[in-house]
Amino acid sequence: MFKFVRLMAMIPVLLAAVACSSMGPSSSTSSGSSRPELEQKARDAYRTLVATTPKAGELATKATAVLVFPEIVKAGFLVGAQGGDGVMFGPDGKVLGYYNATALSYGLQAGAQTFHQAFFLMTPAALNYLNSSDGWSVGMGPSVVVMDEGKAKSMTTTTLQSDVYAFIFGQEGLMAGMGVQGQKITRIKP
């Protein structure tokens, strides 16, 4: 219960942070070209995904890159926001860059939650689009398929036809309601 109250208290702070970070690509900052704590959290989240959803591991063998957000915080009351930083890994596990994900939503909603998110970029074109655009708005550009347990179980190498596959996992907290939301992913400049 305390964790839920703490997350609810973060709503105004999170809304302000997301509003400031969505003003432009120059507003994203990094503490240098290496972020070992974020990288370790991303690797841990990725290992959790592969352990609980083995098909994600199979998907990774065919991916050009995997973008992992180890902690996205989402909170709202009528107007909501979510945000978090992530790490992109190449097929060899090497860090290719750091990214920020933000989203604003509105509608009948209340609560707060945290979760992990992983994007499997299947084609070089999807990776190039993310790195060459001024932030990638999910829903624009490469096609994204959100994977749930059912889709993951029925996935085969012959059904892999999308540019990007997204997994949302490790949800904690409570967020209820219906809202309209768009997510934007931006590369963090070193």
N, C-alpha and C. Protein backbone atom coordinates (compact mmCIF):
# COMPACT_ATOMS: atom_id res chain seq x y z
N MET A 1 0.83 -1.19 0.00
CA MET A 1 0.00 0.00 0.00
C MET A 1 0.88 1.26 0.00
N PHE A 2 1.96 1.24 0.78
CA PHE A 2 2.86 2.39 0.83
C PHE A 2 3.46 2.68 -0.54
N LYS A 3 3.80 1.62 -1.28
CA LYS A 3 4.39 1.80 -2.60
C LYS A 3 3.39 2.49 -3.53
N PHE A 4 2.11 2.12 -3.45
CA PHE A 4 1.08 2.74 -4.26
C PHE A 4 0.93 4.22 -3.91
N VAL A 5 0.93 4.54 -2.63
CA VAL A 5 0.82 5.94 -2.19
C VAL A 5 2.02 6.74 -2.68
N ARG A 6 3.19 6.15 -2.59
CA ARG A 6 4.40 6.81 -3.06
C ARG A 6 4.33 7.07 -4.57
N LEU A 7 3.85 6.09 -5.33
CA LEU A 7 3.72 6.28 -6.77
C LEU A 7 2.69 7.36 -7.09
N MET A 8 1.60 7.41 -6.36
CA MET A 8 0.58 8.44 -6.57
C MET A 8 1.14 9.83 -6.28
N ALA A 9 1.99 9.93 -5.28
CA ALA A 9 2.59 11.22 -4.93
C ALA A 9 3.55 11.70 -6.02
N MET A 10 4.03 10.78 -6.83
CA MET A 10 4.97 11.13 -7.89
C MET A 10 4.28 11.69 -9.13
N ILE A 11 2.96 11.63 -9.21
CA ILE A 11 2.25 12.07 -10.42
C ILE A 11 2.63 13.48 -10.84
N PRO A 12 2.55 14.49 -9.96
CA PRO A 12 2.90 15.85 -10.40
C PRO A 12 4.36 15.96 -10.86
N VAL A 13 5.26 15.30 -10.17
CA VAL A 13 6.67 15.36 -10.54
C VAL A 13 6.89 14.71 -11.90
N LEU A 14 6.26 13.55 -12.11
CA LEU A 14 6.41 12.85 -13.37
C LEU A 14 5.81 13.65 -14.52
N LEU A 15 4.66 14.24 -14.32
CA LEU A 15 4.05 15.06 -15.36
C LEU A 15 4.97 16.22 -15.74
N ALA A 16 5.56 16.87 -14.76
CA ALA A 16 6.48 17.98 -15.04
C ALA A 16 7.72 17.49 -15.77
N ALA A 17 8.26 16.36 -15.35
CA ALA A 17 9.47 15.83 -15.99
C ALA A 17 9.23 15.44 -17.43
N VAL A 18 8.10 14.79 -17.70
CA VAL A 18 7.80 14.40 -19.07
C VAL A 18 7.55 15.62 -19.92
N ALA A 19 6.86 16.61 -19.38
CA ALA A 19 6.61 17.84 -20.14
C ALA A 19 7.92 18.52 -20.52
N CYS A 20 8.85 18.57 -19.60
CA CYS A 20 10.15 19.20 -19.89
C CYS A 20 10.96 18.38 -20.88
N SER A 21 10.92 17.05 -20.77
CA SER A 21 11.74 16.22 -21.66
C SER A 21 11.16 16.13 -23.04
N SER A 22 9.90 16.46 -23.23
CA SER A 22 9.32 16.36 -24.58
C SER A 22 9.44 17.67 -25.35
N MET A 23 10.14 18.65 -24.81
CA MET A 23 10.28 19.94 -25.48
C MET A 23 11.25 19.88 -26.65
N GLY A 24 12.09 18.88 -26.70
CA GLY A 24 13.00 18.80 -27.83
C GLY A 24 14.14 17.85 -27.55
N PRO A 25 14.86 17.46 -28.60
CA PRO A 25 15.93 16.50 -28.42
C PRO A 25 17.09 17.04 -27.62
N SER A 26 17.28 18.35 -27.58
CA SER A 26 18.41 18.88 -26.83
C SER A 26 18.17 18.86 -25.33
N SER A 27 16.90 18.60 -24.90
CA SER A 27 16.62 18.59 -23.47
C SER A 27 17.01 17.27 -22.82
N SER A 28 17.28 16.22 -23.61
CA SER A 28 17.71 14.95 -23.04
C SER A 28 19.19 15.06 -22.71
N THR A 29 19.54 14.62 -21.52
CA THR A 29 20.94 14.69 -21.14
C THR A 29 21.43 13.33 -20.71
N SER A 30 22.70 13.19 -20.67
CA SER A 30 23.34 11.95 -20.27
C SER A 30 24.50 12.29 -19.35
N SER A 31 24.80 11.38 -18.46
CA SER A 31 25.91 11.62 -17.56
C SER A 31 27.22 11.15 -18.17
N GLY A 32 27.27 11.11 -19.49
CA GLY A 32 28.47 10.66 -20.17
C GLY A 32 28.09 9.63 -21.21
N SER A 33 29.11 9.06 -21.84
CA SER A 33 28.83 8.10 -22.89
C SER A 33 28.58 6.70 -22.33
N SER A 34 28.78 6.49 -21.06
CA SER A 34 28.56 5.20 -20.44
C SER A 34 27.70 5.37 -19.19
N ARG A 35 26.71 4.53 -19.06
CA ARG A 35 25.81 4.57 -17.91
C ARG A 35 25.70 3.17 -17.34
N PRO A 36 26.69 2.73 -16.54
CA PRO A 36 26.76 1.34 -16.09
C PRO A 36 25.54 0.90 -15.26
N GLU A 37 24.98 1.76 -14.43
CA GLU A 37 23.83 1.36 -13.61
C GLU A 37 22.61 1.09 -14.50
N LEU A 38 22.35 1.97 -15.45
CA LEU A 38 21.23 1.79 -16.38
C LEU A 38 21.46 0.54 -17.23
N GLU A 39 22.69 0.37 -17.69
CA GLU A 39 23.02 -0.80 -18.51
C GLU A 39 22.77 -2.10 -17.74
N GLN A 40 23.18 -2.15 -16.47
CA GLN A 40 22.98 -3.36 -15.67
C GLN A 40 21.49 -3.64 -15.44
N LYS A 41 20.72 -2.59 -15.15
CA LYS A 41 19.28 -2.76 -14.97
C LYS A 41 18.62 -3.26 -16.26
N ALA A 42 19.07 -2.75 -17.39
CA ALA A 42 18.51 -3.18 -18.68
C ALA A 42 18.86 -4.65 -18.96
N ARG A 43 20.09 -5.03 -18.66
CA ARG A 43 20.48 -6.44 -18.86
C ARG A 43 19.67 -7.36 -17.94
N ASP A 44 19.45 -6.94 -16.69
CA ASP A 44 18.65 -7.74 -15.75
C ASP A 44 17.21 -7.87 -16.23
N ALA A 45 16.63 -6.77 -16.71
CA ALA A 45 15.25 -6.80 -17.21
C ALA A 45 15.17 -7.72 -18.43
N TYR A 46 16.15 -7.64 -19.30
CA TYR A 46 16.16 -8.49 -20.50
C TYR A 46 16.24 -9.97 -20.10
N ARG A 47 17.10 -10.30 -19.13
CA ARG A 47 17.22 -11.68 -18.67
C ARG A 47 15.89 -12.16 -18.08
N THR A 48 15.19 -11.29 -17.36
CA THR A 48 13.88 -11.65 -16.81
C THR A 48 12.89 -11.95 -17.94
N LEU A 49 12.89 -11.12 -18.98
CA LEU A 49 11.99 -11.35 -20.12
C LEU A 49 12.27 -12.69 -20.77
N VAL A 50 13.53 -12.98 -21.05
CA VAL A 50 13.89 -14.22 -21.73
C VAL A 50 13.57 -15.44 -20.84
N ALA A 51 13.75 -15.30 -19.53
CA ALA A 51 13.46 -16.41 -18.61
C ALA A 51 11.96 -16.70 -18.53
N THR A 52 11.14 -15.66 -18.61
CA THR A 52 9.69 -15.85 -18.48
C THR A 52 9.00 -16.04 -19.83
N THR A 53 9.63 -15.59 -20.91
CA THR A 53 9.07 -15.70 -22.26
C THR A 53 10.17 -16.19 -23.19
N PRO A 54 10.37 -17.51 -23.26
CA PRO A 54 11.47 -18.04 -24.08
C PRO A 54 11.42 -17.61 -25.54
N LYS A 55 10.24 -17.35 -26.08
CA LYS A 55 10.15 -16.90 -27.48
C LYS A 55 10.87 -15.57 -27.69
N ALA A 56 10.97 -14.76 -26.64
CA ALA A 56 11.70 -13.49 -26.75
C ALA A 56 13.17 -13.77 -27.03
N GLY A 57 13.72 -14.80 -26.41
CA GLY A 57 15.10 -15.18 -26.67
C GLY A 57 15.30 -15.63 -28.11
N GLU A 58 14.32 -16.38 -28.64
CA GLU A 58 14.39 -16.81 -30.04
C GLU A 58 14.32 -15.60 -30.96
N LEU A 59 13.46 -14.65 -30.62
CA LEU A 59 13.30 -13.44 -31.42
C LEU A 59 14.61 -12.64 -31.45
N ALA A 60 15.31 -12.61 -30.32
CA ALA A 60 16.57 -11.86 -30.22
C ALA A 60 17.62 -12.40 -31.18
N THR A 61 17.60 -13.69 -31.47
CA THR A 61 18.60 -14.25 -32.38
C THR A 61 18.43 -13.74 -33.81
N LYS A 62 17.26 -13.24 -34.14
CA LYS A 62 16.99 -12.72 -35.49
C LYS A 62 16.98 -11.19 -35.54
N ALA A 63 17.05 -10.54 -34.37
CA ALA A 63 16.93 -9.08 -34.29
C ALA A 63 18.22 -8.38 -34.67
N THR A 64 18.07 -7.19 -35.25
CA THR A 64 19.20 -6.31 -35.55
C THR A 64 19.68 -5.64 -34.27
N ALA A 65 18.73 -5.32 -33.38
CA ALA A 65 19.05 -4.69 -32.09
C ALA A 65 17.87 -4.88 -31.16
N VAL A 66 18.14 -4.78 -29.86
CA VAL A 66 17.09 -4.86 -28.83
C VAL A 66 17.21 -3.63 -27.94
N LEU A 67 16.11 -2.89 -27.82
CA LEU A 67 16.06 -1.69 -26.99
C LEU A 67 15.27 -2.04 -25.73
N VAL A 68 15.93 -1.94 -24.57
CA VAL A 68 15.33 -2.35 -23.30
C VAL A 68 15.19 -1.14 -22.37
N PHE A 69 13.97 -0.93 -21.90
CA PHE A 69 13.69 0.09 -20.89
C PHE A 69 13.44 -0.65 -19.58
N PRO A 70 14.40 -0.62 -18.64
CA PRO A 70 14.26 -1.42 -17.43
C PRO A 70 13.22 -0.88 -16.44
N GLU A 71 12.89 0.39 -16.55
CA GLU A 71 11.85 0.92 -15.65
C GLU A 71 11.16 2.11 -16.31
N ILE A 72 9.91 1.87 -16.66
CA ILE A 72 9.07 2.96 -17.14
C ILE A 72 8.07 3.22 -16.01
N VAL A 73 7.97 4.46 -15.61
CA VAL A 73 7.01 4.86 -14.56
C VAL A 73 5.84 5.55 -15.25
N LYS A 74 4.64 5.07 -14.93
CA LYS A 74 3.43 5.64 -15.51
C LYS A 74 2.51 6.04 -14.36
N ALA A 75 1.98 7.27 -14.42
CA ALA A 75 1.08 7.76 -13.39
C ALA A 75 0.09 8.73 -14.01
N GLY A 76 -1.09 8.80 -13.43
CA GLY A 76 -2.04 9.75 -13.97
C GLY A 76 -3.34 9.79 -13.22
N PHE A 77 -4.02 10.89 -13.40
CA PHE A 77 -5.38 11.08 -12.93
C PHE A 77 -6.03 12.00 -13.97
N LEU A 78 -6.83 11.42 -14.86
CA LEU A 78 -7.39 12.07 -16.04
C LEU A 78 -6.30 12.38 -17.06
N VAL A 79 -5.26 13.09 -16.68
CA VAL A 79 -4.10 13.30 -17.55
C VAL A 79 -2.97 12.47 -16.96
N GLY A 80 -2.28 11.74 -17.80
CA GLY A 80 -1.20 10.89 -17.31
C GLY A 80 0.07 11.08 -18.08
N ALA A 81 1.13 10.55 -17.53
CA ALA A 81 2.44 10.62 -18.18
C ALA A 81 3.23 9.37 -17.82
N GLN A 82 4.16 9.04 -18.69
CA GLN A 82 5.08 7.95 -18.39
C GLN A 82 6.43 8.30 -18.98
N GLY A 83 7.45 7.74 -18.39
CA GLY A 83 8.78 8.01 -18.89
C GLY A 83 9.81 7.07 -18.30
N GLY A 84 10.92 6.95 -19.00
CA GLY A 84 12.02 6.14 -18.53
C GLY A 84 13.15 6.12 -19.54
N ASP A 85 14.33 5.72 -19.10
CA ASP A 85 15.51 5.62 -19.96
C ASP A 85 15.80 4.16 -20.26
N GLY A 86 16.40 3.92 -21.43
CA GLY A 86 16.70 2.56 -21.84
C GLY A 86 18.02 2.46 -22.56
N VAL A 87 18.39 1.22 -22.87
CA VAL A 87 19.66 0.91 -23.51
C VAL A 87 19.39 0.04 -24.73
N MET A 88 20.07 0.37 -25.84
CA MET A 88 19.96 -0.48 -27.03
C MET A 88 21.20 -1.37 -27.10
N PHE A 89 20.94 -2.67 -27.30
CA PHE A 89 22.01 -3.65 -27.41
C PHE A 89 22.04 -4.21 -28.82
N GLY A 90 23.24 -4.44 -29.33
CA GLY A 90 23.42 -5.10 -30.61
C GLY A 90 23.31 -6.60 -30.44
N PRO A 91 23.36 -7.36 -31.53
CA PRO A 91 23.26 -8.82 -31.45
C PRO A 91 24.36 -9.45 -30.59
N ASP A 92 25.51 -8.78 -30.50
CA ASP A 92 26.62 -9.29 -29.70
C ASP A 92 26.55 -8.84 -28.24
N GLY A 93 25.49 -8.09 -27.86
CA GLY A 93 25.36 -7.61 -26.49
C GLY A 93 26.02 -6.27 -26.23
N LYS A 94 26.68 -5.72 -27.25
CA LYS A 94 27.36 -4.44 -27.11
C LYS A 94 26.33 -3.31 -27.06
N VAL A 95 26.59 -2.29 -26.23
CA VAL A 95 25.69 -1.15 -26.12
C VAL A 95 25.82 -0.28 -27.37
N LEU A 96 24.67 -0.03 -28.02
CA LEU A 96 24.65 0.80 -29.23
C LEU A 96 24.20 2.23 -28.95
N GLY A 97 23.59 2.45 -27.78
CA GLY A 97 23.14 3.80 -27.45
C GLY A 97 22.15 3.80 -26.30
N TYR A 98 21.83 5.00 -25.84
CA TYR A 98 20.89 5.19 -24.73
C TYR A 98 19.71 6.00 -25.24
N TYR A 99 18.53 5.66 -24.75
CA TYR A 99 17.30 6.25 -25.27
C TYR A 99 16.37 6.64 -24.13
N ASN A 100 15.46 7.55 -24.45
CA ASN A 100 14.45 8.00 -23.49
C ASN A 100 13.08 7.76 -24.12
N ALA A 101 12.16 7.24 -23.33
CA ALA A 101 10.78 7.03 -23.78
C ALA A 101 9.86 7.89 -22.93
N THR A 102 8.99 8.65 -23.59
CA THR A 102 8.02 9.47 -22.88
C THR A 102 6.66 9.28 -23.54
N ALA A 103 5.63 9.49 -22.76
CA ALA A 103 4.27 9.43 -23.29
C ALA A 103 3.36 10.27 -22.42
N LEU A 104 2.41 10.89 -23.07
CA LEU A 104 1.35 11.61 -22.38
C LEU A 104 0.04 10.94 -22.76
N SER A 105 -0.91 10.91 -21.85
CA SER A 105 -2.20 10.30 -22.13
C SER A 105 -3.30 11.11 -21.47
N TYR A 106 -4.48 10.96 -21.98
CA TYR A 106 -5.63 11.61 -21.37
C TYR A 106 -6.83 10.69 -21.51
N GLY A 107 -7.79 10.85 -20.62
CA GLY A 107 -8.98 10.01 -20.62
C GLY A 107 -9.34 9.62 -19.21
N LEU A 108 -10.21 8.64 -19.08
CA LEU A 108 -10.62 8.15 -17.77
C LEU A 108 -9.55 7.21 -17.26
N GLN A 109 -8.70 7.72 -16.39
CA GLN A 109 -7.59 6.93 -15.86
C GLN A 109 -7.20 7.43 -14.48
N ALA A 110 -6.70 6.54 -13.68
CA ALA A 110 -6.20 6.90 -12.36
C ALA A 110 -5.26 5.81 -11.88
N GLY A 111 -4.18 6.20 -11.23
CA GLY A 111 -3.27 5.23 -10.64
C GLY A 111 -1.83 5.49 -11.02
N ALA A 112 -1.03 4.51 -10.68
CA ALA A 112 0.40 4.58 -10.96
C ALA A 112 0.95 3.17 -11.07
N GLN A 113 1.92 2.98 -11.95
CA GLN A 113 2.56 1.68 -12.09
C GLN A 113 3.95 1.83 -12.70
N THR A 114 4.73 0.80 -12.53
CA THR A 114 6.03 0.71 -13.19
C THR A 114 6.03 -0.57 -14.02
N PHE A 115 6.82 -0.58 -15.07
CA PHE A 115 6.93 -1.78 -15.90
C PHE A 115 8.21 -1.71 -16.72
N HIS A 116 8.56 -2.84 -17.33
CA HIS A 116 9.70 -2.95 -18.23
C HIS A 116 9.15 -3.00 -19.66
N GLN A 117 9.96 -2.58 -20.61
CA GLN A 117 9.55 -2.62 -22.00
C GLN A 117 10.76 -2.97 -22.85
N ALA A 118 10.57 -3.85 -23.81
CA ALA A 118 11.66 -4.24 -24.72
C ALA A 118 11.16 -4.19 -26.15
N PHE A 119 11.95 -3.57 -27.03
CA PHE A 119 11.64 -3.50 -28.45
C PHE A 119 12.69 -4.29 -29.20
N PHE A 120 12.25 -5.25 -30.02
CA PHE A 120 13.14 -6.03 -30.86
C PHE A 120 13.06 -5.44 -32.26
N LEU A 121 14.12 -4.76 -32.69
CA LEU A 121 14.17 -4.15 -34.02
C LEU A 121 14.69 -5.21 -34.97
N MET A 122 13.83 -5.65 -35.88
CA MET A 122 14.14 -6.81 -36.70
C MET A 122 14.89 -6.48 -37.99
N THR A 123 14.82 -5.24 -38.42
CA THR A 123 15.45 -4.89 -39.70
C THR A 123 16.42 -3.73 -39.51
N PRO A 124 17.46 -3.67 -40.34
CA PRO A 124 18.34 -2.50 -40.30
C PRO A 124 17.59 -1.20 -40.57
N ALA A 125 16.53 -1.27 -41.41
CA ALA A 125 15.75 -0.07 -41.72
C ALA A 125 15.06 0.48 -40.47
N ALA A 126 14.56 -0.40 -39.60
CA ALA A 126 13.92 0.05 -38.36
C ALA A 126 14.94 0.73 -37.45
N LEU A 127 16.13 0.17 -37.36
CA LEU A 127 17.19 0.75 -36.55
C LEU A 127 17.63 2.10 -37.13
N ASN A 128 17.79 2.17 -38.44
CA ASN A 128 18.18 3.43 -39.08
C ASN A 128 17.12 4.50 -38.88
N TYR A 129 15.85 4.12 -38.96
CA TYR A 129 14.77 5.10 -38.78
C TYR A 129 14.81 5.68 -37.37
N LEU A 130 15.00 4.84 -36.37
CA LEU A 130 15.06 5.30 -34.99
C LEU A 130 16.24 6.25 -34.78
N ASN A 131 17.39 5.93 -35.36
CA ASN A 131 18.58 6.75 -35.15
C ASN A 131 18.63 8.00 -36.02
N SER A 132 17.93 8.01 -37.14
CA SER A 132 17.98 9.17 -38.02
C SER A 132 16.81 10.13 -37.84
N SER A 133 15.75 9.69 -37.17
CA SER A 133 14.59 10.57 -36.98
C SER A 133 14.79 11.41 -35.71
N ASP A 134 14.01 12.45 -35.62
CA ASP A 134 14.06 13.32 -34.43
C ASP A 134 13.12 12.75 -33.38
N GLY A 135 13.39 11.54 -32.97
CA GLY A 135 12.51 10.85 -32.04
C GLY A 135 11.50 10.03 -32.81
N TRP A 136 11.31 8.82 -32.37
CA TRP A 136 10.43 7.88 -33.03
C TRP A 136 9.13 7.83 -32.26
N SER A 137 8.04 8.24 -32.89
CA SER A 137 6.73 8.14 -32.28
C SER A 137 6.16 6.79 -32.64
N VAL A 138 5.91 5.95 -31.63
CA VAL A 138 5.37 4.62 -31.88
C VAL A 138 4.01 4.80 -32.53
N GLY A 139 3.82 4.12 -33.64
CA GLY A 139 2.62 4.29 -34.44
C GLY A 139 2.95 4.98 -35.75
N MET A 140 4.09 5.65 -35.80
CA MET A 140 4.58 6.31 -37.02
C MET A 140 5.87 5.58 -37.41
N GLY A 141 6.15 5.48 -38.67
CA GLY A 141 7.38 4.83 -39.10
C GLY A 141 7.23 3.33 -39.15
N PRO A 142 8.24 2.57 -38.66
CA PRO A 142 8.20 1.11 -38.74
C PRO A 142 6.98 0.53 -38.03
N SER A 143 6.48 -0.60 -38.56
CA SER A 143 5.33 -1.25 -37.93
C SER A 143 5.76 -1.93 -36.64
N VAL A 144 4.96 -1.75 -35.59
CA VAL A 144 5.25 -2.32 -34.28
C VAL A 144 4.13 -3.28 -33.90
N VAL A 145 4.50 -4.48 -33.47
CA VAL A 145 3.54 -5.46 -32.97
C VAL A 145 3.81 -5.64 -31.49
N VAL A 146 2.79 -5.40 -30.66
CA VAL A 146 2.92 -5.61 -29.22
C VAL A 146 2.63 -7.08 -28.94
N MET A 147 3.58 -7.73 -28.31
CA MET A 147 3.48 -9.17 -28.05
C MET A 147 2.93 -9.41 -26.65
N ASP A 148 1.93 -10.29 -26.58
CA ASP A 148 1.46 -10.78 -25.29
C ASP A 148 1.79 -12.27 -25.23
N GLU A 149 1.40 -12.94 -24.14
CA GLU A 149 1.77 -14.35 -24.00
C GLU A 149 1.22 -15.20 -25.14
N GLY A 150 -0.02 -14.95 -25.54
CA GLY A 150 -0.63 -15.73 -26.61
C GLY A 150 0.09 -15.57 -27.93
N LYS A 151 0.38 -14.32 -28.30
CA LYS A 151 1.09 -14.07 -29.56
C LYS A 151 2.49 -14.66 -29.51
N ALA A 152 3.16 -14.54 -28.37
CA ALA A 152 4.52 -15.05 -28.26
C ALA A 152 4.55 -16.57 -28.43
N LYS A 153 3.56 -17.26 -27.87
CA LYS A 153 3.53 -18.73 -27.98
C LYS A 153 3.28 -19.18 -29.41
N SER A 154 2.48 -18.42 -30.17
CA SER A 154 2.15 -18.83 -31.53
C SER A 154 3.13 -18.31 -32.57
N MET A 155 4.11 -17.53 -32.16
CA MET A 155 5.08 -16.95 -33.08
C MET A 155 6.04 -18.01 -33.60
N THR A 156 6.28 -18.00 -34.91
CA THR A 156 7.28 -18.87 -35.53
C THR A 156 8.16 -18.01 -36.43
N THR A 157 9.24 -18.59 -36.90
CA THR A 157 10.13 -17.82 -37.77
C THR A 157 9.47 -17.45 -39.08
N THR A 158 8.46 -18.20 -39.51
CA THR A 158 7.76 -17.85 -40.75
C THR A 158 6.72 -16.76 -40.55
N THR A 159 6.29 -16.51 -39.30
CA THR A 159 5.30 -15.45 -39.06
C THR A 159 5.97 -14.12 -38.69
N LEU A 160 7.29 -14.08 -38.61
CA LEU A 160 8.00 -12.84 -38.30
C LEU A 160 8.01 -11.93 -39.52
N GLN A 161 7.11 -10.96 -39.55
CA GLN A 161 7.03 -10.08 -40.71
C GLN A 161 7.05 -8.61 -40.35
N SER A 162 7.00 -8.26 -39.09
CA SER A 162 6.98 -6.86 -38.69
C SER A 162 8.40 -6.33 -38.49
N ASP A 163 8.49 -5.00 -38.50
CA ASP A 163 9.79 -4.35 -38.31
C ASP A 163 10.24 -4.39 -36.86
N VAL A 164 9.26 -4.25 -35.94
CA VAL A 164 9.58 -4.15 -34.50
C VAL A 164 8.55 -4.95 -33.71
N TYR A 165 9.04 -5.68 -32.71
CA TYR A 165 8.18 -6.40 -31.77
C TYR A 165 8.42 -5.83 -30.39
N ALA A 166 7.35 -5.53 -29.66
CA ALA A 166 7.45 -4.91 -28.34
C ALA A 166 6.87 -5.83 -27.28
N PHE A 167 7.57 -5.95 -26.16
CA PHE A 167 7.10 -6.70 -25.00
C PHE A 167 6.99 -5.75 -23.82
N ILE A 168 5.88 -5.82 -23.10
CA ILE A 168 5.70 -5.08 -21.86
C ILE A 168 5.58 -6.14 -20.77
N PHE A 169 6.41 -6.02 -19.72
CA PHE A 169 6.44 -7.08 -18.71
C PHE A 169 6.85 -6.49 -17.37
N GLY A 170 6.67 -7.28 -16.31
CA GLY A 170 7.08 -6.87 -14.97
C GLY A 170 6.27 -5.73 -14.39
N GLN A 171 4.97 -5.67 -14.69
CA GLN A 171 4.15 -4.57 -14.19
C GLN A 171 3.97 -4.66 -12.67
N GLU A 172 4.07 -3.50 -12.02
CA GLU A 172 3.81 -3.36 -10.59
C GLU A 172 3.00 -2.10 -10.39
N GLY A 173 2.08 -2.14 -9.44
CA GLY A 173 1.22 -0.99 -9.18
C GLY A 173 -0.13 -1.19 -9.82
N LEU A 174 -0.93 -0.16 -9.81
CA LEU A 174 -2.29 -0.24 -10.33
C LEU A 174 -2.59 0.98 -11.17
N MET A 175 -2.98 0.75 -12.41
CA MET A 175 -3.39 1.82 -13.31
C MET A 175 -4.66 1.35 -13.98
N ALA A 176 -5.74 2.08 -13.78
CA ALA A 176 -7.02 1.66 -14.32
C ALA A 176 -7.61 2.76 -15.19
N GLY A 177 -8.41 2.34 -16.16
CA GLY A 177 -9.14 3.30 -16.97
C GLY A 177 -8.88 3.13 -18.44
N MET A 178 -9.39 4.08 -19.19
CA MET A 178 -9.24 4.09 -20.64
C MET A 178 -8.69 5.44 -21.04
N GLY A 179 -7.73 5.43 -21.90
CA GLY A 179 -7.15 6.70 -22.33
C GLY A 179 -6.53 6.58 -23.70
N VAL A 180 -6.20 7.71 -24.27
CA VAL A 180 -5.52 7.77 -25.55
C VAL A 180 -4.07 8.15 -25.26
N GLN A 181 -3.14 7.42 -25.85
CA GLN A 181 -1.74 7.63 -25.52
C GLN A 181 -0.86 7.46 -26.74
N GLY A 182 0.21 8.21 -26.77
CA GLY A 182 1.23 8.04 -27.80
C GLY A 182 2.59 8.04 -27.12
N GLN A 183 3.49 7.20 -27.59
CA GLN A 183 4.81 7.10 -26.98
C GLN A 183 5.87 7.58 -27.96
N LYS A 184 6.84 8.33 -27.46
CA LYS A 184 7.94 8.82 -28.29
C LYS A 184 9.26 8.35 -27.69
N ILE A 185 10.11 7.83 -28.57
CA ILE A 185 11.42 7.34 -28.15
C ILE A 185 12.48 8.21 -28.83
N THR A 186 13.38 8.73 -28.01
CA THR A 186 14.41 9.66 -28.49
C THR A 186 15.78 9.19 -28.03
N ARG A 187 16.76 9.28 -28.91
CA ARG A 187 18.13 8.92 -28.54
C ARG A 187 18.68 9.99 -27.62
N ILE A 188 19.35 9.57 -26.55
CA ILE A 188 19.99 10.49 -25.62
C ILE A 188 21.37 10.81 -26.17
N LYS A 189 21.62 12.07 -26.40
CA LYS A 189 22.90 12.50 -26.96
C LYS A 189 23.98 12.43 -25.88
N PRO A 190 25.16 11.83 -26.20
CA PRO A 190 26.23 11.76 -25.20
C PRO A 190 26.84 13.11 -24.93
